[in-house]
Amino acid sequence: MKTNNENIDIIKRELLRNAMCSLIDQMGLAMVRTSYSPLVRDLFDFTCGFTDAEGNYIAQGLLNPMGDAMKRGLHFMKEDW
């Protein structure tokens, strides 16, 4: 789904951006609170974020950057299916 950026006003865009960032931070906190692994719980060795169906990043959290792992993973999954 593609949208034209000119159709979204600045206030709606910022509200959506802040909401997505807040959700991603909540995902990270849930990972830390529920993790049994010291790599996740103590070292924060994970990442959270939103991608579209093609693996392009929409938003990511404050923890580790996502890199292009999701795009590569989706590429290999599509080949297997």
N, C-alpha and C. Protein backbone atom coordinates (compact mmCIF):
# COMPACT_ATOMS: atom_id res chain seq x y z
N MET A 1 0.85 -1.17 0.00
CA MET A 1 0.00 0.00 0.00
C MET A 1 0.89 1.23 0.00
N LYS A 2 0.79 2.04 -1.01
CA LYS A 2 1.57 3.25 -1.13
C LYS A 2 0.66 4.45 -0.91
N THR A 3 1.16 5.40 -0.15
CA THR A 3 0.42 6.63 0.07
C THR A 3 1.27 7.80 -0.35
N ASN A 4 0.63 8.86 -0.74
CA ASN A 4 1.31 10.07 -1.12
C ASN A 4 1.55 10.90 0.14
N ASN A 5 2.81 11.26 0.41
CA ASN A 5 3.14 12.00 1.63
C ASN A 5 2.45 13.36 1.68
N GLU A 6 2.08 13.91 0.55
CA GLU A 6 1.42 15.21 0.54
C GLU A 6 0.00 15.12 1.08
N ASN A 7 -0.60 13.94 1.09
CA ASN A 7 -1.96 13.77 1.58
C ASN A 7 -2.04 13.67 3.10
N ILE A 8 -0.91 13.45 3.78
CA ILE A 8 -0.88 13.32 5.23
C ILE A 8 -0.32 14.62 5.80
N ASP A 9 -1.09 15.28 6.67
CA ASP A 9 -0.58 16.53 7.22
C ASP A 9 0.46 16.24 8.31
N ILE A 10 1.18 17.25 8.71
CA ILE A 10 2.31 17.13 9.62
C ILE A 10 1.88 16.59 10.98
N ILE A 11 0.76 17.04 11.49
CA ILE A 11 0.32 16.63 12.82
C ILE A 11 -0.02 15.14 12.83
N LYS A 12 -0.76 14.66 11.83
CA LYS A 12 -1.10 13.23 11.78
C LYS A 12 0.17 12.38 11.63
N ARG A 13 1.10 12.86 10.83
CA ARG A 13 2.35 12.11 10.63
C ARG A 13 3.12 11.98 11.94
N GLU A 14 3.23 13.06 12.69
CA GLU A 14 3.94 13.02 13.97
C GLU A 14 3.21 12.16 14.99
N LEU A 15 1.89 12.21 15.01
CA LEU A 15 1.13 11.37 15.92
C LEU A 15 1.35 9.89 15.60
N LEU A 16 1.32 9.53 14.34
CA LEU A 16 1.57 8.14 13.94
C LEU A 16 3.00 7.72 14.27
N ARG A 17 3.96 8.59 14.01
CA ARG A 17 5.36 8.28 14.29
C ARG A 17 5.57 8.05 15.79
N ASN A 18 5.04 8.93 16.61
CA ASN A 18 5.19 8.78 18.06
C ASN A 18 4.47 7.54 18.57
N ALA A 19 3.31 7.23 18.01
CA ALA A 19 2.59 6.02 18.43
C ALA A 19 3.38 4.77 18.07
N MET A 20 3.94 4.72 16.87
CA MET A 20 4.72 3.55 16.47
C MET A 20 5.98 3.41 17.32
N CYS A 21 6.66 4.52 17.59
CA CYS A 21 7.86 4.46 18.43
C CYS A 21 7.52 4.00 19.84
N SER A 22 6.41 4.44 20.35
CA SER A 22 5.98 4.02 21.69
C SER A 22 5.66 2.52 21.72
N LEU A 23 4.98 2.02 20.70
CA LEU A 23 4.69 0.59 20.62
C LEU A 23 5.96 -0.24 20.53
N ILE A 24 6.91 0.22 19.76
CA ILE A 24 8.17 -0.51 19.62
C ILE A 24 8.92 -0.53 20.95
N ASP A 25 8.95 0.59 21.66
CA ASP A 25 9.60 0.63 22.96
C ASP A 25 8.91 -0.29 23.95
N GLN A 26 7.58 -0.38 23.89
CA GLN A 26 6.85 -1.30 24.76
C GLN A 26 7.17 -2.75 24.41
N MET A 27 7.36 -3.06 23.12
CA MET A 27 7.77 -4.41 22.74
C MET A 27 9.13 -4.74 23.35
N GLY A 28 10.06 -3.78 23.30
CA GLY A 28 11.38 -3.99 23.88
C GLY A 28 11.32 -4.23 25.38
N LEU A 29 10.51 -3.44 26.08
CA LEU A 29 10.37 -3.63 27.53
C LEU A 29 9.75 -4.98 27.85
N ALA A 30 8.79 -5.42 27.06
CA ALA A 30 8.19 -6.74 27.29
C ALA A 30 9.22 -7.84 27.06
N MET A 31 10.08 -7.68 26.06
CA MET A 31 11.14 -8.67 25.82
C MET A 31 12.07 -8.77 27.01
N VAL A 32 12.48 -7.63 27.56
CA VAL A 32 13.40 -7.63 28.69
C VAL A 32 12.74 -8.23 29.93
N ARG A 33 11.50 -7.86 30.20
CA ARG A 33 10.81 -8.33 31.40
C ARG A 33 10.51 -9.82 31.38
N THR A 34 10.26 -10.38 30.22
CA THR A 34 9.84 -11.78 30.13
C THR A 34 10.94 -12.73 29.70
N SER A 35 12.13 -12.21 29.46
CA SER A 35 13.20 -13.05 28.94
C SER A 35 13.87 -13.87 30.04
N TYR A 36 14.21 -15.11 29.69
CA TYR A 36 15.00 -15.96 30.57
C TYR A 36 16.48 -15.91 30.18
N SER A 37 16.76 -15.41 29.00
CA SER A 37 18.13 -15.39 28.50
C SER A 37 18.87 -14.15 29.01
N PRO A 38 20.08 -14.33 29.55
CA PRO A 38 20.84 -13.17 29.98
C PRO A 38 21.29 -12.29 28.82
N LEU A 39 21.38 -12.86 27.62
CA LEU A 39 21.74 -12.03 26.46
C LEU A 39 20.67 -10.98 26.19
N VAL A 40 19.43 -11.35 26.36
CA VAL A 40 18.34 -10.41 26.14
C VAL A 40 18.12 -9.55 27.37
N ARG A 41 18.06 -10.18 28.52
CA ARG A 41 17.70 -9.49 29.76
C ARG A 41 18.78 -8.50 30.21
N ASP A 42 20.05 -8.87 30.13
CA ASP A 42 21.12 -8.05 30.67
C ASP A 42 21.85 -7.23 29.61
N LEU A 43 22.02 -7.80 28.42
CA LEU A 43 22.81 -7.14 27.39
C LEU A 43 21.97 -6.47 26.30
N PHE A 44 20.65 -6.66 26.34
CA PHE A 44 19.75 -6.09 25.34
C PHE A 44 20.17 -6.47 23.92
N ASP A 45 20.49 -7.74 23.72
CA ASP A 45 20.95 -8.21 22.42
C ASP A 45 19.75 -8.65 21.57
N PHE A 46 18.93 -7.69 21.20
CA PHE A 46 17.78 -7.93 20.34
C PHE A 46 17.36 -6.58 19.76
N THR A 47 16.45 -6.62 18.84
CA THR A 47 15.94 -5.40 18.25
C THR A 47 14.44 -5.54 18.00
N CYS A 48 13.76 -4.41 17.95
CA CYS A 48 12.33 -4.39 17.69
C CYS A 48 12.04 -3.34 16.62
N GLY A 49 11.03 -3.60 15.82
CA GLY A 49 10.65 -2.62 14.81
C GLY A 49 9.49 -3.10 13.97
N PHE A 50 9.03 -2.22 13.10
CA PHE A 50 7.96 -2.52 12.16
C PHE A 50 8.51 -2.49 10.74
N THR A 51 8.10 -3.46 9.94
CA THR A 51 8.45 -3.47 8.52
C THR A 51 7.19 -3.66 7.70
N ASP A 52 7.28 -3.34 6.42
CA ASP A 52 6.16 -3.63 5.53
C ASP A 52 6.33 -5.05 5.00
N ALA A 53 5.47 -5.46 4.09
CA ALA A 53 5.49 -6.83 3.57
C ALA A 53 6.75 -7.16 2.79
N GLU A 54 7.45 -6.15 2.30
CA GLU A 54 8.66 -6.37 1.53
C GLU A 54 9.92 -6.31 2.39
N GLY A 55 9.78 -6.02 3.69
CA GLY A 55 10.92 -5.96 4.58
C GLY A 55 11.53 -4.58 4.73
N ASN A 56 10.91 -3.57 4.15
CA ASN A 56 11.40 -2.20 4.31
C ASN A 56 10.98 -1.67 5.67
N TYR A 57 11.87 -0.95 6.32
CA TYR A 57 11.61 -0.49 7.68
C TYR A 57 10.65 0.69 7.71
N ILE A 58 9.68 0.58 8.59
CA ILE A 58 8.75 1.68 8.83
C ILE A 58 9.19 2.43 10.07
N ALA A 59 9.54 1.70 11.11
CA ALA A 59 10.02 2.31 12.36
C ALA A 59 10.83 1.27 13.12
N GLN A 60 11.81 1.74 13.90
CA GLN A 60 12.59 0.84 14.74
C GLN A 60 12.79 1.47 16.10
N GLY A 61 13.12 0.63 17.07
CA GLY A 61 13.24 1.08 18.45
C GLY A 61 14.57 1.74 18.75
N LEU A 62 14.73 2.06 20.02
CA LEU A 62 15.95 2.75 20.47
C LEU A 62 17.09 1.79 20.73
N LEU A 63 16.84 0.51 20.69
CA LEU A 63 17.89 -0.46 20.99
C LEU A 63 18.78 -0.64 19.77
N ASN A 64 19.21 -1.83 19.50
CA ASN A 64 20.12 -2.11 18.39
C ASN A 64 19.44 -1.83 17.05
N PRO A 65 20.18 -1.28 16.10
CA PRO A 65 19.58 -1.07 14.77
C PRO A 65 19.28 -2.41 14.10
N MET A 66 18.28 -2.40 13.24
CA MET A 66 17.80 -3.64 12.63
C MET A 66 18.66 -4.10 11.45
N GLY A 67 19.38 -3.22 10.82
CA GLY A 67 20.12 -3.63 9.64
C GLY A 67 19.17 -4.06 8.53
N ASP A 68 19.57 -5.02 7.74
CA ASP A 68 18.68 -5.50 6.67
C ASP A 68 18.31 -6.97 6.88
N ALA A 69 18.32 -7.41 8.12
CA ALA A 69 18.04 -8.82 8.42
C ALA A 69 16.64 -9.22 8.01
N MET A 70 15.66 -8.37 8.24
CA MET A 70 14.28 -8.73 7.93
C MET A 70 14.08 -8.87 6.42
N LYS A 71 14.66 -7.95 5.66
CA LYS A 71 14.53 -8.02 4.20
C LYS A 71 15.17 -9.30 3.67
N ARG A 72 16.34 -9.64 4.18
CA ARG A 72 17.02 -10.86 3.74
C ARG A 72 16.24 -12.10 4.16
N GLY A 73 15.72 -12.10 5.39
CA GLY A 73 14.93 -13.24 5.86
C GLY A 73 13.68 -13.46 5.02
N LEU A 74 12.99 -12.37 4.68
CA LEU A 74 11.81 -12.49 3.84
C LEU A 74 12.17 -12.99 2.45
N HIS A 75 13.31 -12.56 1.94
CA HIS A 75 13.75 -13.01 0.62
C HIS A 75 13.94 -14.53 0.62
N PHE A 76 14.60 -15.08 1.65
CA PHE A 76 14.80 -16.52 1.70
C PHE A 76 13.50 -17.27 1.96
N MET A 77 12.61 -16.70 2.74
CA MET A 77 11.32 -17.37 2.98
C MET A 77 10.49 -17.45 1.71
N LYS A 78 10.51 -16.39 0.91
CA LYS A 78 9.73 -16.39 -0.34
C LYS A 78 10.28 -17.42 -1.32
N GLU A 79 11.60 -17.63 -1.31
CA GLU A 79 12.19 -18.63 -2.20
C GLU A 79 11.74 -20.05 -1.81
N ASP A 80 11.64 -20.29 -0.49
CA ASP A 80 11.25 -21.63 -0.03
C ASP A 80 9.78 -21.92 -0.23
N TRP A 81 8.95 -20.90 -0.25
CA TRP A 81 7.52 -21.12 -0.38
C TRP A 81 7.18 -21.22 -1.82
